[in-house]
Amino acid sequence: MNYNAAAAYKNNSIQTASKAELTLMLYEGAIKFCNIALMAIEKNDVEQAHTNIVKAQKIIVEFRCTLDFKYPVAKDFDVVYEYIYRRLVEANLKKDPEILGEALKYIREMRDTWKEVMKANKAGK
């Protein structure tokens, strides 16, 4: 598949995705960026590590900005997102793979929980 076709496919899948699917895509993106950053840290590529950790941080900020606090669970999510964000910042400052791995573990857990919520909602329809 050439680059233009791949870009068009990706753009179309984003434009046609539901809010739930977009959220899942963001989790997947944060995981991908953390994994790229981990590999970059291993290679001592400070710039690539920084760039990708910042991308993951921006996704976490987006999650925090879109929380709907009319639901009590939003406060709990905000606490978790704030913790993940702080760990990403610390991992970036220190280029520490263990701290980054911890943040990645929590992002994966949030993604897996989100997948379960999506499944439950489909089953309930």
Protein backbone atom coordinates (compact mmCIF):
# COMPACT_ATOMS: atom_id res chain seq x y z
CA MET A 1 0.00 0.00 0.00
CA ASN A 2 1.49 3.33 -0.94
CA TYR A 3 1.77 6.23 1.49
CA ASN A 4 -1.15 8.24 0.07
CA ALA A 5 -3.52 5.27 0.22
CA ALA A 6 -2.44 4.47 3.78
CA ALA A 7 -2.89 8.09 4.85
CA ALA A 8 -6.33 8.23 3.21
CA TYR A 9 -7.37 5.00 4.93
CA LYS A 10 -6.17 6.26 8.32
CA ASN A 11 -7.91 9.61 7.85
CA ASN A 12 -11.15 7.90 6.82
CA SER A 13 -11.09 5.52 9.79
CA ILE A 14 -10.62 8.46 12.16
CA GLN A 15 -13.44 10.45 10.56
CA THR A 16 -15.89 7.54 10.68
CA ALA A 17 -15.00 6.30 14.17
CA SER A 18 -17.37 6.64 17.12
CA LYS A 19 -16.26 8.54 20.23
CA ALA A 20 -15.58 5.21 21.92
CA GLU A 21 -13.43 4.05 19.00
CA LEU A 22 -11.55 7.36 18.96
CA THR A 23 -10.82 6.97 22.66
CA LEU A 24 -9.47 3.48 22.00
CA MET A 25 -7.32 4.85 19.15
CA LEU A 26 -5.88 7.45 21.53
CA TYR A 27 -5.00 4.77 24.10
CA GLU A 28 -3.37 2.72 21.34
CA GLY A 29 -1.45 5.80 20.22
CA ALA A 30 -0.19 6.54 23.72
CA ILE A 31 0.96 2.91 24.04
CA LYS A 32 2.69 3.07 20.66
CA PHE A 33 4.49 6.31 21.55
CA CYS A 34 5.63 4.91 24.91
CA ASN A 35 6.97 1.79 23.20
CA ILE A 36 8.85 3.87 20.63
CA ALA A 37 10.25 6.00 23.47
CA LEU A 38 11.37 2.87 25.35
CA MET A 39 13.24 1.64 22.28
CA ALA A 40 14.76 5.10 21.82
CA ILE A 41 15.95 5.16 25.44
CA GLU A 42 17.60 1.74 24.88
CA LYS A 43 19.41 3.20 21.84
CA ASN A 44 20.28 6.35 23.79
CA ASP A 45 18.32 8.41 21.23
CA VAL A 46 17.31 11.19 23.60
CA GLU A 47 15.52 13.26 20.99
CA GLN A 48 13.28 10.44 19.74
CA ALA A 49 12.53 9.40 23.33
CA HIS A 50 11.57 12.97 24.23
CA THR A 51 9.40 13.45 21.13
CA ASN A 52 7.42 10.28 21.73
CA ILE A 53 6.98 10.73 25.47
CA VAL A 54 5.64 14.23 24.77
CA LYS A 55 3.16 12.73 22.28
CA ALA A 56 1.95 10.32 24.98
CA GLN A 57 1.72 13.21 27.46
CA LYS A 58 -0.45 15.18 25.02
CA ILE A 59 -2.85 12.25 24.74
CA ILE A 60 -3.13 12.04 28.54
CA VAL A 61 -3.78 15.80 28.67
CA GLU A 62 -6.53 15.33 26.06
CA PHE A 63 -8.12 12.61 28.19
CA ARG A 64 -8.07 14.89 31.22
CA CYS A 65 -9.55 17.83 29.27
CA THR A 66 -12.45 15.76 27.99
CA LEU A 67 -13.53 14.27 31.32
CA ASP A 68 -17.16 14.99 32.17
CA PHE A 69 -17.24 15.79 35.88
CA LYS A 70 -21.00 15.42 36.10
CA TYR A 71 -20.14 11.72 36.55
CA PRO A 72 -18.47 10.91 39.89
CA VAL A 73 -16.05 8.45 38.26
CA ALA A 74 -14.46 11.34 36.34
CA LYS A 75 -12.60 12.41 39.49
CA ASP A 76 -11.10 8.94 39.79
CA PHE A 77 -10.04 8.99 36.14
CA ASP A 78 -8.55 12.45 36.60
CA VAL A 79 -6.41 11.22 39.51
CA VAL A 80 -5.12 8.30 37.45
CA TYR A 81 -4.45 10.47 34.39
CA GLU A 82 -2.67 13.05 36.52
CA TYR A 83 -0.45 10.33 38.00
CA ILE A 84 0.34 8.87 34.57
CA TYR A 85 1.16 12.34 33.28
CA ARG A 86 3.54 13.03 36.20
CA ARG A 87 5.26 9.68 35.63
CA LEU A 88 5.65 10.45 31.91
CA VAL A 89 7.22 13.82 32.74
CA GLU A 90 9.59 12.18 35.22
CA ALA A 91 10.46 9.41 32.75
CA ASN A 92 11.18 12.06 30.14
CA LEU A 93 13.37 14.14 32.42
CA LYS A 94 15.39 11.14 33.57
CA LYS A 95 15.03 9.03 30.39
CA ASP A 96 14.20 6.23 32.81
CA PRO A 97 12.78 3.09 31.19
CA GLU A 98 11.41 1.77 34.51
CA ILE A 99 9.32 4.88 35.17
CA LEU A 100 8.16 4.92 31.55
CA GLY A 101 7.30 1.23 31.84
CA GLU A 102 5.17 1.96 34.90
CA ALA A 103 3.26 4.70 33.05
CA LEU A 104 2.84 2.34 30.09
CA LYS A 105 1.43 -0.36 32.38
CA TYR A 106 -1.25 2.02 33.63
CA ILE A 107 -2.08 3.23 30.12
CA ARG A 108 -2.49 -0.40 29.02
CA GLU A 109 -4.75 -1.09 32.00
CA MET A 110 -6.89 1.94 31.14
CA ARG A 111 -7.05 0.80 27.50
CA ASP A 112 -8.04 -2.73 28.52
CA THR A 113 -10.74 -1.37 30.83
CA TRP A 114 -12.00 0.81 27.99
CA LYS A 115 -12.19 -2.23 25.70
CA GLU A 116 -14.30 -4.02 28.32
CA VAL A 117 -16.62 -1.01 28.57
CA MET A 118 -16.99 -0.99 24.78
CA LYS A 119 -17.78 -4.73 24.77
CA ALA A 120 -20.32 -4.34 27.57
CA ASN A 121 -22.02 -1.48 25.70
CA LYS A 122 -22.23 -3.54 22.50
CA ALA A 123 -23.64 -6.50 24.39
CA GLY A 124 -26.24 -4.26 26.06
CA LYS A 125 -27.57 -2.97 22.74
